[in-house]
C-alpha atoms as a PDB file:
ATOM      1  CA  ALA A   1      -0.103   0.135  -0.011  1.00  0.00           C
ATOM      2  CA  ASP A   2       2.990   2.583   0.791  1.00  0.00           C
ATOM      3  CA  LEU A   3       4.395   1.729  -2.651  1.00  0.00           C
ATOM      4  CA  VAL A   4       1.509   2.137  -4.424  1.00  0.00           C
ATOM      5  CA  HIS A   5       1.018   5.283  -2.628  1.00  0.00           C
ATOM      6  CA  PHE A   6       4.566   6.623  -3.364  1.00  0.00           C
ATOM      7  CA  LEU A   7       3.685   5.748  -6.927  1.00  0.00           C
ATOM      8  CA  GLU A   8       0.567   7.736  -7.296  1.00  0.00           C
ATOM      9  CA  SER A   9       1.827  10.524  -5.668  1.00  0.00           C
ATOM     10  CA  GLY A  10       4.040  12.206  -8.489  1.00  0.00           C
ATOM     11  CA  PRO A  11       5.405  11.704 -11.854  1.00  0.00           C
ATOM     12  CA  PRO A  12       6.520   8.078 -12.710  1.00  0.00           C
ATOM     13  CA  PRO A  13       9.775   7.438 -10.823  1.00  0.00           C
ATOM     14  CA  VAL A  14      12.756   5.670 -11.863  1.00  0.00           C
ATOM     15  CA  TYR A  15      13.411   2.053 -10.918  1.00  0.00           C
ATOM     16  CA  VAL A  16      16.712   1.256  -9.796  1.00  0.00           C
ATOM     17  CA  GLY A  17      18.109  -2.124  -8.232  1.00  0.00           C
ATOM     18  CA  PHE A  18      20.693  -4.575  -9.109  1.00  0.00           C
ATOM     19  CA  GLY A  19      18.840  -7.705  -8.635  1.00  0.00           C
ATOM     20  CA  SER A  20      21.257 -10.266  -7.134  1.00  0.00           C
ATOM     21  CA  MET A  21      24.230  -8.973  -7.642  1.00  0.00           C
ATOM     22  CA  SER A  22      26.414  -7.848  -4.812  1.00  0.00           C
ATOM     23  CA  ASP A  23      28.621  -4.766  -5.017  1.00  0.00           C
ATOM     24  CA  ARG A  24      31.788  -4.539  -2.485  1.00  0.00           C
ATOM     25  CA  ASP A  25      30.902  -1.175  -1.647  1.00  0.00           C
ATOM     26  CA  PRO A  26      26.991  -0.751  -1.761  1.00  0.00           C
ATOM     27  CA  GLU A  27      26.901   2.430   0.233  1.00  0.00           C
ATOM     28  CA  ARG A  28      29.104   3.855  -2.706  1.00  0.00           C
ATOM     29  CA  VAL A  29      26.577   2.953  -4.972  1.00  0.00           C
ATOM     30  CA  THR A  30      23.931   3.809  -3.200  1.00  0.00           C
ATOM     31  CA  GLN A  31      25.259   7.540  -2.673  1.00  0.00           C
ATOM     32  CA  ILE A  32      26.379   7.975  -6.222  1.00  0.00           C
ATOM     33  CA  THR A  33      22.898   6.813  -7.063  1.00  0.00           C
ATOM     34  CA  LEU A  34      20.768   9.148  -4.709  1.00  0.00           C
ATOM     35  CA  GLN A  35      23.162  12.108  -5.515  1.00  0.00           C
ATOM     36  CA  ALA A  36      22.569  11.753  -9.659  1.00  0.00           C
ATOM     37  CA  LEU A  37      18.744  11.557  -8.903  1.00  0.00           C
ATOM     38  CA  LYS A  38      18.630  14.433  -6.661  1.00  0.00           C
ATOM     39  CA  LYS A  39      20.767  16.450  -9.247  1.00  0.00           C
ATOM     40  CA  THR A  40      18.305  15.019 -12.056  1.00  0.00           C
ATOM     41  CA  GLY A  41      14.725  15.726  -9.743  1.00  0.00           C
ATOM     42  CA  GLN A  42      13.937  12.361 -10.394  1.00  0.00           C
ATOM     43  CA  ARG A  43      11.917  10.664  -8.012  1.00  0.00           C
ATOM     44  CA  ALA A  44      12.872   6.904  -7.597  1.00  0.00           C
ATOM     45  CA  VAL A  45      12.140   3.407  -6.176  1.00  0.00           C
ATOM     46  CA  LEU A  46      15.253   1.689  -4.967  1.00  0.00           C
ATOM     47  CA  GLU A  47      15.350  -1.878  -4.419  1.00  0.00           C
ATOM     48  CA  SER A  48      17.810  -3.290  -2.274  1.00  0.00           C
ATOM     49  CA  GLY A  49      18.449  -6.345  -3.813  1.00  0.00           C
ATOM     50  CA  TRP A  50      21.447  -8.449  -2.554  1.00  0.00           C
ATOM     51  CA  GLY A  51      23.976  -5.953  -1.763  1.00  0.00           C
ATOM     52  CA  GLY A  52      24.027  -3.678  -4.539  1.00  0.00           C
ATOM     53  CA  ILE A  53      21.423  -1.146  -3.084  1.00  0.00           C
ATOM     54  CA  ARG A  54      21.431   0.332   0.919  1.00  0.00           C
ATOM     55  CA  THR A  55      18.262   0.733   2.428  1.00  0.00           C
ATOM     56  CA  PHE A  56      17.149   3.869   4.247  1.00  0.00           C
ATOM     57  CA  PRO A  57      14.389   5.320   5.488  1.00  0.00           C
ATOM     58  CA  SER A  58      12.359   6.329   2.555  1.00  0.00           C
ATOM     59  CA  SER A  59      10.931   9.633   1.605  1.00  0.00           C
ATOM     60  CA  ASP A  60       8.757  11.693  -0.614  1.00  0.00           C
ATOM     61  CA  ASP A  61      11.333  11.422  -3.125  1.00  0.00           C
ATOM     62  CA  VAL A  62      12.529   8.012  -3.315  1.00  0.00           C
ATOM     63  CA  PHE A  63      10.865   4.785  -1.473  1.00  0.00           C
ATOM     64  CA  PHE A  64      13.250   1.911  -0.672  1.00  0.00           C
ATOM     65  CA  ILE A  65      11.729  -1.442  -1.183  1.00  0.00           C
ATOM     66  CA  ASN A  66      14.164  -4.393   0.227  1.00  0.00           C
ATOM     67  CA  LYS A  67      11.548  -7.047  -0.532  1.00  0.00           C
ATOM     68  CA  ASN A  68      10.820  -8.093  -4.197  1.00  0.00           C
ATOM     69  CA  VAL A  69       8.353  -6.415  -6.040  1.00  0.00           C
ATOM     70  CA  THR A  70       7.530  -8.205  -9.312  1.00  0.00           C
ATOM     71  CA  HIS A  71       8.793  -6.589 -12.261  1.00  0.00           C
ATOM     72  CA  ASP A  72       5.368  -7.069 -14.579  1.00  0.00           C
ATOM     73  CA  TRP A  73       3.724  -5.210 -12.094  1.00  0.00           C
ATOM     74  CA  LEU A  74       6.224  -2.228 -11.261  1.00  0.00           C
ATOM     75  CA  PHE A  75       7.956  -1.376 -14.597  1.00  0.00           C
ATOM     76  CA  PRO A  76       4.598  -0.251 -16.278  1.00  0.00           C
ATOM     77  CA  ARG A  77       4.390   2.233 -13.533  1.00  0.00           C
ATOM     78  CA  VAL A  78       8.002   3.833 -13.655  1.00  0.00           C
ATOM     79  CA  SER A  79       9.260   5.480 -16.218  1.00  0.00           C
ATOM     80  CA  ALA A  80      12.911   3.930 -17.033  1.00  0.00           C
ATOM     81  CA  ALA A  81      14.846   1.475 -15.207  1.00  0.00           C
ATOM     82  CA  LEU A  82      18.513   1.488 -13.719  1.00  0.00           C
ATOM     83  CA  HIS A  83      19.589  -2.156 -13.242  1.00  0.00           C
ATOM     84  CA  HIS A  84      22.631  -4.307 -13.446  1.00  0.00           C
ATOM     85  CA  GLY A  85      21.862  -5.724 -17.110  1.00  0.00           C
ATOM     86  CA  GLY A  86      20.634  -9.414 -16.362  1.00  0.00           C
ATOM     87  CA  ALA A  87      18.361 -10.687 -18.902  1.00  0.00           C
ATOM     88  CA  GLY A  88      15.569 -10.888 -16.528  1.00  0.00           C
ATOM     89  CA  THR A  89      15.357  -7.132 -15.722  1.00  0.00           C
ATOM     90  CA  THR A  90      16.545  -6.147 -19.492  1.00  0.00           C
ATOM     91  CA  SER A  91      13.683  -8.155 -20.800  1.00  0.00           C
ATOM     92  CA  ALA A  92      11.071  -6.886 -18.144  1.00  0.00           C
ATOM     93  CA  ALA A  93      12.249  -3.599 -19.169  1.00  0.00           C
ATOM     94  CA  ILE A  94      11.798  -3.943 -22.832  1.00  0.00           C
ATOM     95  CA  ARG A  95       7.941  -5.542 -22.052  1.00  0.00           C
ATOM     96  CA  ALA A  96       7.137  -2.698 -20.004  1.00  0.00           C
ATOM     97  CA  GLY A  97       8.247   0.006 -22.857  1.00  0.00           C
ATOM     98  CA  ILE A  98      10.543   1.884 -20.720  1.00  0.00           C
ATOM     99  CA  PRO A  99      13.962   2.822 -21.197  1.00  0.00           C
ATOM    100  CA  ASN A 100      17.072   0.914 -19.638  1.00  0.00           C
ATOM    101  CA  ILE A 101      20.024   2.604 -17.459  1.00  0.00           C
ATOM    102  CA  ILE A 102      22.789  -0.518 -17.343  1.00  0.00           C
ATOM    103  CA  ALA A 103      25.601  -0.402 -15.341  1.00  0.00           C
ATOM    104  CA  PRO A 104      27.023  -3.860 -15.928  1.00  0.00           C
ATOM    105  CA  PHE A 105      28.562  -6.114 -13.242  1.00  0.00           C
ATOM    106  CA  THR A 106      29.810  -9.293 -15.135  1.00  0.00           C
ATOM    107  CA  LEU A 107      28.927 -11.927 -18.073  1.00  0.00           C
ATOM    108  CA  ASP A 108      26.348 -11.434 -20.139  1.00  0.00           C
ATOM    109  CA  GLN A 109      25.373  -7.921 -18.268  1.00  0.00           C
ATOM    110  CA  TYR A 110      28.025  -6.540 -20.518  1.00  0.00           C
ATOM    111  CA  ALA A 111      26.368  -7.621 -23.808  1.00  0.00           C
ATOM    112  CA  TRP A 112      22.903  -6.434 -22.601  1.00  0.00           C
ATOM    113  CA  ALA A 113      24.473  -3.180 -22.109  1.00  0.00           C
ATOM    114  CA  ASP A 114      25.851  -2.921 -26.029  1.00  0.00           C
ATOM    115  CA  ILE A 115      22.575  -4.423 -27.566  1.00  0.00           C
ATOM    116  CA  ILE A 116      20.788  -1.324 -25.563  1.00  0.00           C
ATOM    117  CA  SER A 117      22.748   0.911 -26.828  1.00  0.00           C
ATOM    118  CA  LYS A 118      22.904   0.418 -29.742  1.00  0.00           C
ATOM    119  CA  LYS A 119      19.293  -0.307 -30.618  1.00  0.00           C
ATOM    120  CA  GLY A 120      18.916   2.990 -28.927  1.00  0.00           C
ATOM    121  CA  LEU A 121      16.929   1.549 -26.144  1.00  0.00           C
ATOM    122  CA  GLY A 122      18.593   3.487 -23.530  1.00  0.00           C
ATOM    123  CA  VAL A 123      22.154   3.835 -22.298  1.00  0.00           C
ATOM    124  CA  ARG A 124      24.774   2.371 -20.494  1.00  0.00           C
ATOM    125  CA  ALA A 125      25.750   4.331 -17.147  1.00  0.00           C
ATOM    126  CA  ALA A 126      29.470   3.167 -17.417  1.00  0.00           C
ATOM    127  CA  SER A 127      31.592   0.464 -18.539  1.00  0.00           C
ATOM    128  CA  ASN A 128      30.844  -1.383 -15.447  1.00  0.00           C
ATOM    129  CA  VAL A 129      29.115  -0.741 -11.974  1.00  0.00           C
ATOM    130  CA  ASN A 130      32.992  -0.079 -10.450  1.00  0.00           C
ATOM    131  CA  LYS A 131      33.641   2.454 -13.100  1.00  0.00           C
ATOM    132  CA  LEU A 132      30.155   4.223 -12.340  1.00  0.00           C
ATOM    133  CA  ASN A 133      30.366   7.786 -10.987  1.00  0.00           C
ATOM    134  CA  GLU A 134      27.722  10.477 -10.472  1.00  0.00           C
ATOM    135  CA  LYS A 135      28.375  12.457 -13.323  1.00  0.00           C
ATOM    136  CA  LYS A 136      28.228   9.832 -15.107  1.00  0.00           C
ATOM    137  CA  LEU A 137      24.862   8.127 -13.808  1.00  0.00           C
ATOM    138  CA  ARG A 138      23.464  11.667 -13.795  1.00  0.00           C
ATOM    139  CA  PHE A 139      23.847  12.312 -18.027  1.00  0.00           C
ATOM    140  CA  ALA A 140      22.349   8.714 -18.078  1.00  0.00           C
ATOM    141  CA  ILE A 141      19.617   9.496 -16.354  1.00  0.00           C
ATOM    142  CA  GLU A 142      18.818  12.892 -18.212  1.00  0.00           C
ATOM    143  CA  LYS A 143      19.749  11.313 -21.398  1.00  0.00           C
ATOM    144  CA  VAL A 144      16.789   8.534 -21.296  1.00  0.00           C
ATOM    145  CA  MET A 145      14.779  11.219 -19.793  1.00  0.00           C
ATOM    146  CA  GLN A 146      14.805  13.808 -22.290  1.00  0.00           C
ATOM    147  CA  ASP A 147      15.597  12.118 -25.223  1.00  0.00           C
ATOM    148  CA  VAL A 148      12.133  11.531 -26.945  1.00  0.00           C
ATOM    149  CA  SER A 149      13.420   8.570 -30.024  1.00  0.00           C
ATOM    150  CA  ILE A 150      15.167   6.907 -26.718  1.00  0.00           C
ATOM    151  CA  ARG A 151      11.599   6.964 -24.992  1.00  0.00           C
ATOM    152  CA  GLN A 152       9.507   5.992 -28.417  1.00  0.00           C
ATOM    153  CA  ARG A 153      11.990   3.543 -29.361  1.00  0.00           C
ATOM    154  CA  ALA A 154      11.181   2.050 -26.102  1.00  0.00           C
ATOM    155  CA  ALA A 155       7.559   2.308 -25.914  1.00  0.00           C
ATOM    156  CA  ALA A 156       7.356   0.641 -29.296  1.00  0.00           C
ATOM    157  CA  LEU A 157       9.252  -2.218 -28.470  1.00  0.00           C
ATOM    158  CA  GLY A 158       7.583  -3.090 -25.335  1.00  0.00           C
ATOM    159  CA  GLN A 159       3.769  -2.701 -27.721  1.00  0.00           C
ATOM    160  CA  LYS A 160       5.269  -5.212 -30.131  1.00  0.00           C
ATOM    161  CA  VAL A 161       6.419  -7.726 -27.491  1.00  0.00           C
ATOM    162  CA  ARG A 162       3.147  -7.298 -25.167  1.00  0.00           C
ATOM    163  CA  ALA A 163       1.593  -8.222 -28.544  1.00  0.00           C
ATOM    164  CA  GLU A 164       3.065 -11.467 -29.558  1.00  0.00           C
ATOM    165  CA  ASP A 165       2.449 -14.702 -27.616  1.00  0.00           C
ATOM    166  CA  GLY A 166       6.214 -15.568 -26.993  1.00  0.00           C
ATOM    167  CA  VAL A 167       5.332 -18.440 -24.716  1.00  0.00           C
ATOM    168  CA  GLY A 168       2.929 -19.781 -26.985  1.00  0.00           C
ATOM    169  CA  VAL A 169       5.274 -19.547 -30.368  1.00  0.00           C
ATOM    170  CA  SER A 170       8.086 -21.072 -28.288  1.00  0.00           C
ATOM    171  CA  VAL A 171       5.902 -24.447 -26.851  1.00  0.00           C
ATOM    172  CA  GLN A 172       4.994 -24.784 -31.043  1.00  0.00           C
ATOM    173  CA  LEU A 173       8.349 -24.344 -31.798  1.00  0.00           C
ATOM    174  CA  ILE A 174       9.805 -27.260 -29.259  1.00  0.00           C
ATOM    175  CA  GLU A 175       6.665 -29.308 -30.149  1.00  0.00           C
ATOM    176  CA  GLN A 176       7.752 -29.099 -33.979  1.00  0.00           C
ATOM    177  CA  HIS A 177      11.082 -29.710 -33.129  1.00  0.00           C
ATOM    178  CA  ALA A 178      10.237 -32.790 -30.973  1.00  0.00           C
ATOM    179  CA  ARG A 179       7.917 -34.031 -33.662  1.00  0.00           C
ATOM    180  CA  GLU A 180      10.820 -33.818 -36.051  1.00  0.00           C
ATOM    181  CA  PHE A 181      13.536 -35.169 -34.212  1.00  0.00           C
ATOM    182  CA  TYR A 182      11.432 -37.990 -33.099  1.00  0.00           C
ATOM    183  CA  GLN A 183       9.949 -39.518 -36.082  1.00  0.00           C
END
Protein backbone atom coordinates (compact mmCIF):
# COMPACT_ATOMS: atom_id res chain seq x y z
CA ALA A 1 0.00 0.00 0.00
CA ASP A 2 2.85 2.42 0.80
CA LEU A 3 4.51 1.72 -2.54
CA VAL A 4 1.25 2.25 -4.44
CA HIS A 5 0.74 5.54 -2.59
CA PHE A 6 4.28 6.64 -3.49
CA LEU A 7 3.80 5.73 -7.16
CA GLU A 8 0.52 7.63 -7.34
CA SER A 9 1.78 10.71 -5.49
CA GLY A 10 3.86 12.19 -8.30
CA PRO A 11 5.37 11.62 -11.72
CA PRO A 12 6.53 8.08 -12.53
CA PRO A 13 9.80 7.41 -10.71
CA VAL A 14 12.95 5.72 -11.97
CA TYR A 15 13.37 2.12 -10.79
CA VAL A 16 16.83 1.34 -9.37
CA GLY A 17 17.86 -2.20 -8.51
CA PHE A 18 20.77 -4.52 -9.13
CA GLY A 19 18.97 -7.82 -8.56
CA SER A 20 21.15 -10.57 -7.20
CA MET A 21 24.37 -8.65 -7.85
CA SER A 22 26.45 -7.82 -4.83
CA ASP A 23 28.80 -4.87 -4.73
CA ARG A 24 31.87 -4.59 -2.52
CA ASP A 25 30.77 -1.10 -1.55
CA PRO A 26 26.96 -0.82 -1.70
CA GLU A 27 27.07 2.48 0.21
CA ARG A 28 29.10 4.01 -2.64
CA VAL A 29 26.61 2.84 -5.29
CA THR A 30 23.69 4.04 -3.16
CA GLN A 31 25.21 7.49 -2.56
CA ILE A 32 26.11 7.91 -6.25
CA THR A 33 22.55 6.96 -7.17
CA LEU A 34 20.93 9.27 -4.62
CA GLN A 35 23.14 12.20 -5.68
CA ALA A 36 22.42 11.68 -9.38
CA LEU A 37 18.68 11.37 -8.75
CA LYS A 38 18.65 14.54 -6.68
CA LYS A 39 20.59 16.53 -9.30
CA THR A 40 18.28 15.34 -12.08
CA GLY A 41 15.14 15.96 -10.02
CA GLN A 42 13.94 12.39 -10.46
CA ARG A 43 11.88 10.42 -7.98
CA ALA A 44 12.93 6.79 -7.56
CA VAL A 45 12.05 3.37 -6.25
CA LEU A 46 15.25 1.70 -4.99
CA GLU A 47 15.24 -2.06 -4.46
CA SER A 48 17.95 -3.30 -2.12
CA GLY A 49 18.47 -6.72 -3.72
CA TRP A 50 21.46 -8.73 -2.46
CA GLY A 51 23.84 -5.89 -1.80
CA GLY A 52 23.88 -3.49 -4.74
CA ILE A 53 21.88 -0.86 -2.83
CA ARG A 54 21.68 -0.01 0.87
CA THR A 55 18.27 0.75 2.33
CA PHE A 56 17.58 4.04 4.10
CA PRO A 57 14.34 5.59 5.29
CA SER A 58 12.08 6.53 2.39
CA SER A 59 11.32 10.16 1.59
CA ASP A 60 8.95 12.08 -0.67
CA ASP A 61 11.31 11.48 -3.60
CA VAL A 62 12.82 8.05 -2.87
CA PHE A 63 11.01 4.89 -1.84
CA PHE A 64 13.17 1.99 -0.64
CA ILE A 65 11.95 -1.58 -0.94
CA ASN A 66 13.83 -4.56 0.42
CA LYS A 67 11.51 -7.27 -0.78
CA ASN A 68 10.91 -8.48 -4.27
CA VAL A 69 8.24 -6.63 -6.21
CA THR A 70 7.55 -8.25 -9.56
CA HIS A 71 8.96 -6.28 -12.45
CA ASP A 72 5.89 -7.11 -14.53
CA TRP A 73 3.78 -5.16 -12.04
CA LEU A 74 6.21 -2.36 -11.18
CA PHE A 75 7.88 -1.47 -14.49
CA PRO A 76 4.74 -0.22 -16.28
CA ARG A 77 4.44 2.29 -13.41
CA VAL A 78 7.98 3.75 -13.66
CA SER A 79 9.70 5.99 -16.21
CA ALA A 80 12.97 4.04 -16.66
CA ALA A 81 14.92 1.16 -15.12
CA LEU A 82 18.47 1.54 -13.80
CA HIS A 83 19.94 -1.90 -13.24
CA HIS A 84 22.77 -4.38 -13.72
CA GLY A 85 21.75 -5.58 -17.18
CA GLY A 86 20.65 -9.10 -16.31
CA ALA A 87 18.55 -10.79 -18.98
CA GLY A 88 15.43 -10.89 -16.78
CA THR A 89 15.49 -7.25 -15.72
CA THR A 90 16.43 -6.06 -19.22
CA SER A 91 13.61 -8.01 -20.83
CA ALA A 92 11.10 -6.82 -18.19
CA ALA A 93 11.99 -3.20 -18.98
CA ILE A 94 11.72 -3.89 -22.72
CA ARG A 95 8.30 -5.50 -22.21
CA ALA A 96 7.14 -2.53 -20.12
CA GLY A 97 8.28 -0.15 -22.87
CA ILE A 98 10.62 1.88 -20.69
CA PRO A 99 14.27 2.86 -21.29
CA ASN A 100 17.06 0.83 -19.69
CA ILE A 101 20.03 2.41 -17.89
CA ILE A 102 22.61 -0.32 -17.39
CA ALA A 103 25.67 -0.48 -15.13
CA PRO A 104 26.92 -4.04 -15.73
CA PHE A 105 28.62 -6.17 -13.08
CA THR A 106 29.64 -9.32 -14.99
CA LEU A 107 29.16 -11.81 -17.84
CA ASP A 108 26.22 -11.29 -20.25
CA GLN A 109 25.33 -7.96 -18.64
CA TYR A 110 28.00 -6.29 -20.80
CA ALA A 111 26.36 -7.68 -23.94
CA TRP A 112 22.89 -6.51 -22.85
CA ALA A 113 24.27 -3.04 -22.13
CA ASP A 114 25.79 -2.92 -25.63
CA ILE A 115 22.61 -4.17 -27.32
CA ILE A 116 20.38 -1.70 -25.45
CA SER A 117 22.70 1.20 -26.33
CA LYS A 118 23.14 0.22 -29.99
CA LYS A 119 19.40 -0.26 -30.48
CA GLY A 120 18.63 3.11 -28.87
CA LEU A 121 16.51 1.58 -26.10
CA GLY A 122 18.52 3.14 -23.30
CA VAL A 123 22.10 3.80 -22.26
CA ARG A 124 25.06 2.18 -20.59
CA ALA A 125 25.76 4.29 -17.50
CA ALA A 126 29.37 3.12 -17.18
CA SER A 127 31.66 0.46 -18.60
CA ASN A 128 30.94 -1.45 -15.38
CA VAL A 129 29.53 -0.70 -11.96
CA ASN A 130 33.01 -0.11 -10.49
CA LYS A 131 33.48 2.79 -12.93
CA LEU A 132 30.10 4.31 -12.12
CA ASN A 133 30.18 7.83 -10.71
CA GLU A 134 27.61 10.54 -10.05
CA LYS A 135 28.43 12.49 -13.23
CA LYS A 136 28.08 9.45 -15.52
CA LEU A 137 24.88 8.34 -13.84
CA ARG A 138 23.39 11.83 -13.93
CA PHE A 139 24.16 12.03 -17.66
CA ALA A 140 22.57 8.60 -18.26
CA ILE A 141 19.41 9.51 -16.36
CA GLU A 142 19.09 12.85 -18.14
CA LYS A 143 19.66 11.16 -21.51
CA VAL A 144 16.84 8.61 -21.16
CA MET A 145 14.46 11.14 -19.61
CA GLN A 146 15.04 13.85 -22.24
CA ASP A 147 15.76 11.89 -25.44
CA VAL A 148 12.35 11.49 -27.04
CA SER A 149 13.66 9.00 -29.62
CA ILE A 150 14.90 6.62 -26.89
CA ARG A 151 11.55 6.83 -25.10
CA GLN A 152 9.62 6.29 -28.35
CA ARG A 153 11.74 3.30 -29.43
CA ALA A 154 11.40 1.71 -26.00
CA ALA A 155 7.62 2.26 -25.98
CA ALA A 156 7.21 0.90 -29.53
CA LEU A 157 9.25 -2.24 -28.82
CA GLY A 158 7.37 -2.79 -25.56
CA GLN A 159 4.06 -2.60 -27.40
CA LYS A 160 5.30 -5.10 -30.00
CA VAL A 161 6.58 -7.53 -27.35
CA ARG A 162 3.35 -7.34 -25.34
CA ALA A 163 1.33 -8.07 -28.49
CA GLU A 164 3.07 -11.36 -29.24
CA ASP A 165 2.48 -14.71 -27.56
CA GLY A 166 6.10 -15.58 -26.86
CA VAL A 167 5.34 -18.58 -24.66
CA GLY A 168 2.81 -19.99 -27.15
CA VAL A 169 5.20 -19.60 -30.08
CA SER A 170 8.02 -21.20 -28.06
CA VAL A 171 5.85 -24.19 -27.17
CA GLN A 172 4.87 -24.63 -30.83
CA LEU A 173 8.51 -24.52 -31.96
CA ILE A 174 9.61 -27.01 -29.29
CA GLU A 175 6.76 -29.38 -30.13
CA GLN A 176 7.52 -29.08 -33.86
CA HIS A 177 11.19 -29.79 -33.25
CA ALA A 178 10.37 -32.74 -31.00
CA ARG A 179 8.04 -34.24 -33.64
CA GLU A 180 10.69 -33.89 -36.34
CA PHE A 181 13.45 -35.20 -34.12
CA TYR A 182 11.57 -38.27 -32.89
CA GLN A 183 10.04 -39.33 -36.24
